[in-house]
Amino acid sequence: MPDMSASVSLAMTHLVPLAKEVDENKVTPGVLGFIVFAAMALAVWALMKSMNRHMGKVKFKEQGERDGESAQTAADSRPRQG
């Protein structure tokens, strides 16, 4: 594996002059903040898509209620004797 310290020091020497141009009283999230925000946005989008898929599979009437309603309908359709 190549020596990473050389590339890190080279990157820092290029970034230090850029940092001196920025106002020291101003704080910004920068590229890392954007990357973290974008990753969180993608995760939320994936979770919402998954939730919608799972909510589509949910049956809102319980099995017992459905059987009771069908039995009631069958009882109402039978002719009354009397």
Protein backbone atom coordinates (compact mmCIF):
# COMPACT_ATOMS: atom_id res chain seq x y z
CA MET A 1 0.00 0.00 0.00
CA PRO A 2 1.47 3.39 -0.94
CA ASP A 3 2.53 5.87 1.69
CA MET A 4 -0.56 8.01 2.40
CA SER A 5 1.27 10.59 4.51
CA ALA A 6 3.00 12.05 1.45
CA SER A 7 -0.27 12.58 -0.41
CA VAL A 8 -1.93 13.99 2.72
CA SER A 9 0.88 16.48 3.29
CA LEU A 10 0.78 17.47 -0.37
CA ALA A 11 -2.99 18.03 -0.15
CA MET A 12 -2.61 20.06 3.03
CA THR A 13 0.04 22.31 1.45
CA HIS A 14 -2.42 23.09 -1.36
CA LEU A 15 -5.36 23.65 0.99
CA VAL A 16 -3.61 25.86 3.54
CA PRO A 17 -3.30 28.86 1.18
CA LEU A 18 -6.99 28.49 0.32
CA ALA A 19 -7.87 28.48 4.01
CA LYS A 20 -6.02 31.77 4.55
CA GLU A 21 -8.23 33.46 1.93
CA VAL A 22 -11.42 32.49 3.79
CA ASP A 23 -12.78 34.82 6.47
CA GLU A 24 -11.75 33.35 9.84
CA ASN A 25 -15.00 34.49 11.49
CA LYS A 26 -17.17 32.63 8.99
CA VAL A 27 -17.84 28.92 9.45
CA THR A 28 -19.24 26.81 6.61
CA PRO A 29 -19.98 23.09 6.43
CA GLY A 30 -17.88 22.61 3.29
CA VAL A 31 -17.73 19.59 1.05
CA LEU A 32 -17.77 17.08 3.90
CA GLY A 33 -21.01 18.59 5.23
CA PHE A 34 -22.58 18.34 1.78
CA ILE A 35 -21.50 14.71 1.39
CA VAL A 36 -22.93 13.78 4.81
CA PHE A 37 -26.19 15.61 4.06
CA ALA A 38 -26.49 13.94 0.64
CA ALA A 39 -25.87 10.49 2.17
CA MET A 40 -28.54 11.11 4.81
CA ALA A 41 -30.98 12.32 2.14
CA LEU A 42 -30.39 9.16 0.09
CA ALA A 43 -30.89 6.99 3.18
CA VAL A 44 -34.19 8.73 4.01
CA TRP A 45 -35.35 8.36 0.40
CA ALA A 46 -34.53 4.62 0.45
CA LEU A 47 -36.31 4.16 3.79
CA MET A 48 -39.43 5.98 2.55
CA LYS A 49 -39.49 3.87 -0.62
CA SER A 50 -39.17 0.70 1.46
CA MET A 51 -41.89 1.88 3.85
CA ASN A 52 -44.29 2.55 0.96
CA ARG A 53 -43.62 -0.94 -0.41
CA HIS A 54 -44.30 -2.54 2.98
CA MET A 55 -47.40 -0.43 3.63
CA GLY A 56 -48.80 -1.68 0.32
CA LYS A 57 -48.67 -5.24 1.67
CA VAL A 58 -50.58 -4.42 4.87
CA LYS A 59 -54.15 -5.71 5.14
CA PHE A 60 -56.16 -3.26 7.19
CA LYS A 61 -59.08 -5.61 8.00
CA GLU A 62 -58.39 -8.41 10.41
CA GLN A 63 -59.28 -11.96 9.43
CA GLY A 64 -61.85 -12.29 12.25
CA GLU A 65 -63.73 -9.16 11.17
CA ARG A 66 -63.89 -10.34 7.58
CA ASP A 67 -65.25 -13.77 8.60
CA GLY A 68 -67.85 -12.14 10.84
CA GLU A 69 -69.03 -9.85 8.04
CA SER A 70 -69.30 -12.69 5.52
CA ALA A 71 -71.23 -14.81 8.03
CA GLN A 72 -73.60 -11.90 8.68
CA THR A 73 -74.13 -11.38 4.96
CA ALA A 74 -74.84 -15.10 4.46
CA ALA A 75 -77.34 -15.06 7.36
CA ASP A 76 -79.12 -12.04 5.88
CA SER A 77 -79.42 -13.68 2.46
CA ARG A 78 -81.09 -16.88 3.76
CA PRO A 79 -84.86 -16.89 3.56
CA ARG A 80 -86.53 -16.63 6.95
CA GLN A 81 -88.76 -19.44 8.03
CA GLY A 82 -91.60 -18.59 10.21
